[in-house]
Amino acid sequence: MLDDLLIRPYRDTDARATRAIFERAVRVTAAAHYTAEQRTAWVPDDPLAVVLDDWAARRAAVTTWVAVIDDSVVGFTDLDVETGYLDMLFVDPDAGRRGVGSALIRQVLDQARSVELREVTVQASRTAQPVFERHGFVVVREQRVERRGVLIENAVMRMVLDA
């Protein structure tokens, strides 16, 4: 675990940083598991495709946390506390493999338990699947989702929480 890592609630001012992390993680980190065509379908190169206000509204609609090192946002995750669905877990490639993703997952699981959810589910990318498995998530099924006419493989995973 990083001594200088802080996990805090998302703020409106985090929209640009979290969007940039999402884009970099898909374009760089996910390159180990996905083709260029798949990554472009996931995150288009077209800057007009991104409406930062829409992104910020999506982050604010669920409980979102950011990971911060030296006052810089280096990762983020979220949880819909009504359904137990974790939609986003992304870490900047420059901060990868240092425990940021694990710290964010622990935050989600702590929050899920505090609101007495029975399980947390996620559609994990091939890139993220191993970190979820290390935290006790199991694959429910493999699937292909379509993004802009391109099929992208991921796994529906879940973790049953203690009663």
Protein backbone atom coordinates (compact mmCIF):
# COMPACT_ATOMS: atom_id res chain seq x y z
CA MET A 1 0.00 0.00 0.00
CA LEU A 2 1.15 3.48 -0.77
CA ASP A 3 1.78 5.62 2.29
CA ASP A 4 0.93 8.81 0.40
CA LEU A 5 -2.32 7.52 -1.14
CA LEU A 6 -5.55 9.26 -0.16
CA ILE A 7 -9.00 7.96 -1.13
CA ARG A 8 -11.61 10.71 -0.98
CA PRO A 9 -15.09 11.41 -2.34
CA TYR A 10 -15.37 12.67 -5.90
CA ARG A 11 -15.73 16.43 -6.36
CA ASP A 12 -17.18 18.28 -9.37
CA THR A 13 -13.69 19.60 -10.05
CA ASP A 14 -12.46 16.00 -10.59
CA ALA A 15 -14.38 15.54 -13.85
CA ARG A 16 -11.52 16.44 -16.22
CA ALA A 17 -8.93 14.39 -14.29
CA THR A 18 -11.12 11.29 -14.03
CA ARG A 19 -12.05 11.45 -17.72
CA ALA A 20 -8.36 11.74 -18.66
CA ILE A 21 -7.53 8.73 -16.46
CA PHE A 22 -10.33 6.72 -18.09
CA GLU A 23 -9.03 7.56 -21.57
CA ARG A 24 -5.37 6.84 -20.73
CA ALA A 25 -6.19 3.58 -18.94
CA VAL A 26 -8.18 2.31 -21.92
CA ARG A 27 -5.67 3.49 -24.53
CA VAL A 28 -2.49 2.45 -22.68
CA THR A 29 -3.14 -0.12 -19.95
CA ALA A 30 -5.86 -2.04 -21.81
CA ALA A 31 -3.60 -2.40 -24.86
CA ALA A 32 -2.30 -5.63 -23.30
CA HIS A 33 -5.74 -7.25 -23.71
CA TYR A 34 -7.62 -5.36 -26.43
CA THR A 35 -6.95 -4.45 -30.06
CA ALA A 36 -6.58 -0.87 -31.26
CA GLU A 37 -10.01 -1.16 -32.91
CA GLN A 38 -11.59 -2.29 -29.62
CA ARG A 39 -9.89 0.47 -27.62
CA THR A 40 -10.99 3.13 -30.12
CA ALA A 41 -14.57 1.85 -29.97
CA TRP A 42 -14.38 2.00 -26.17
CA VAL A 43 -12.83 5.50 -26.14
CA PRO A 44 -13.16 7.33 -29.46
CA ASP A 45 -10.38 9.62 -30.60
CA ASP A 46 -12.99 12.27 -31.42
CA PRO A 47 -12.79 15.00 -28.75
CA LEU A 48 -16.33 16.10 -29.65
CA ALA A 49 -17.59 12.71 -28.45
CA VAL A 50 -16.77 13.74 -24.88
CA VAL A 51 -19.12 16.10 -23.12
CA LEU A 52 -17.48 16.78 -19.78
CA ASP A 53 -20.77 17.84 -18.18
CA ASP A 54 -22.30 14.46 -19.09
CA TRP A 55 -19.26 12.68 -17.65
CA ALA A 56 -19.49 14.72 -14.43
CA ALA A 57 -23.22 13.98 -14.14
CA ARG A 58 -22.55 10.24 -14.45
CA ARG A 59 -19.91 10.41 -11.72
CA ALA A 60 -22.22 12.41 -9.46
CA ALA A 61 -25.19 10.05 -10.02
CA VAL A 62 -23.41 7.30 -8.10
CA THR A 63 -21.03 7.24 -5.15
CA THR A 64 -17.63 7.93 -6.71
CA TRP A 65 -14.22 8.03 -5.03
CA VAL A 66 -10.90 9.23 -6.31
CA ALA A 67 -7.40 8.12 -5.41
CA VAL A 68 -4.99 11.00 -4.88
CA ILE A 69 -1.20 11.03 -4.62
CA ASP A 70 0.61 14.34 -4.08
CA ASP A 71 -2.57 16.32 -4.82
CA SER A 72 -3.02 14.58 -8.19
CA VAL A 73 -5.93 12.29 -9.00
CA VAL A 74 -4.46 8.94 -10.09
CA GLY A 75 -7.54 6.70 -10.12
CA PHE A 76 -11.23 6.47 -9.44
CA THR A 77 -14.07 4.05 -8.86
CA ASP A 78 -17.76 4.14 -8.15
CA LEU A 79 -20.63 2.22 -6.63
CA ASP A 80 -24.36 2.44 -7.16
CA VAL A 81 -25.43 1.93 -3.55
CA GLU A 82 -28.98 1.04 -4.65
CA THR A 83 -27.95 -1.90 -6.87
CA GLY A 84 -24.43 -2.80 -5.75
CA TYR A 85 -23.08 -2.23 -9.26
CA LEU A 86 -19.50 -1.00 -9.63
CA ASP A 87 -19.31 0.57 -13.10
CA MET A 88 -15.88 2.19 -13.13
CA LEU A 89 -12.44 1.27 -11.79
CA PHE A 90 -9.61 3.01 -13.60
CA VAL A 91 -6.05 3.88 -12.60
CA ASP A 92 -3.69 6.12 -14.51
CA PRO A 93 -1.06 3.97 -16.25
CA ASP A 94 1.72 5.93 -14.50
CA ALA A 95 0.28 4.87 -11.11
CA GLY A 96 -0.48 1.28 -12.07
CA ARG A 97 0.71 -1.79 -10.16
CA ARG A 98 1.20 0.19 -6.95
CA GLY A 99 -1.96 -0.75 -5.05
CA VAL A 100 -4.20 2.10 -6.20
CA GLY A 101 -6.82 -0.21 -7.75
CA SER A 102 -6.83 -2.44 -4.68
CA ALA A 103 -7.29 0.54 -2.36
CA LEU A 104 -10.23 1.71 -4.46
CA ILE A 105 -11.83 -1.76 -4.40
CA ARG A 106 -11.45 -1.90 -0.62
CA GLN A 107 -13.24 1.48 -0.42
CA VAL A 108 -16.12 0.15 -2.53
CA LEU A 109 -16.43 -2.99 -0.44
CA ASP A 110 -16.37 -1.00 2.81
CA GLN A 111 -19.11 1.29 1.48
CA ALA A 112 -21.16 -1.67 0.24
CA ARG A 113 -21.00 -3.30 3.65
CA SER A 114 -21.88 -0.05 5.42
CA VAL A 115 -25.12 0.22 3.44
CA GLU A 116 -25.77 -3.50 3.95
CA LEU A 117 -25.56 -4.59 0.33
CA ARG A 118 -25.60 -8.36 -0.16
CA GLU A 119 -23.27 -8.30 -3.17
CA VAL A 120 -21.23 -6.12 -5.49
CA THR A 121 -21.22 -6.78 -9.23
CA VAL A 122 -19.00 -5.49 -12.00
CA GLN A 123 -18.43 -5.99 -15.71
CA ALA A 124 -14.66 -6.30 -15.52
CA SER A 125 -12.38 -5.82 -18.47
CA ARG A 126 -9.76 -8.47 -19.17
CA THR A 127 -7.28 -5.97 -17.77
CA ALA A 128 -9.14 -5.45 -14.47
CA GLN A 129 -10.32 -9.02 -13.92
CA PRO A 130 -7.21 -10.20 -12.02
CA VAL A 131 -7.40 -7.39 -9.45
CA PHE A 132 -11.06 -8.13 -8.81
CA GLU A 133 -10.26 -11.83 -8.41
CA ARG A 134 -7.60 -11.00 -5.81
CA HIS A 135 -10.32 -9.29 -3.78
CA GLY A 136 -12.68 -12.26 -3.89
CA PHE A 137 -14.81 -11.51 -6.93
CA VAL A 138 -15.75 -14.54 -9.05
CA VAL A 139 -16.68 -14.73 -12.71
CA VAL A 140 -20.41 -15.26 -13.23
CA ARG A 141 -20.12 -15.32 -17.02
CA GLU A 142 -17.99 -14.17 -19.91
CA GLN A 143 -19.64 -11.82 -22.37
CA ARG A 144 -19.13 -9.59 -25.37
CA VAL A 145 -20.52 -6.09 -25.35
CA GLU A 146 -20.89 -3.93 -28.43
CA ARG A 147 -19.38 -0.47 -28.53
CA ARG A 148 -19.77 1.48 -31.76
CA GLY A 149 -20.23 -1.74 -33.73
CA VAL A 150 -17.19 -3.49 -32.23
CA LEU A 151 -17.39 -6.45 -29.83
CA ILE A 152 -15.38 -6.15 -26.62
CA GLU A 153 -14.95 -9.08 -24.22
CA ASN A 154 -15.36 -8.71 -20.48
CA ALA A 155 -16.56 -10.75 -17.54
CA VAL A 156 -19.55 -10.24 -15.30
CA MET A 157 -18.16 -10.74 -11.79
CA ARG A 158 -19.68 -10.64 -8.35
CA MET A 159 -18.69 -10.73 -4.75
CA VAL A 160 -21.14 -11.91 -2.12
CA LEU A 161 -20.77 -9.88 1.07
CA ASP A 162 -21.01 -11.26 4.57
CA ALA A 163 -24.43 -10.82 6.14
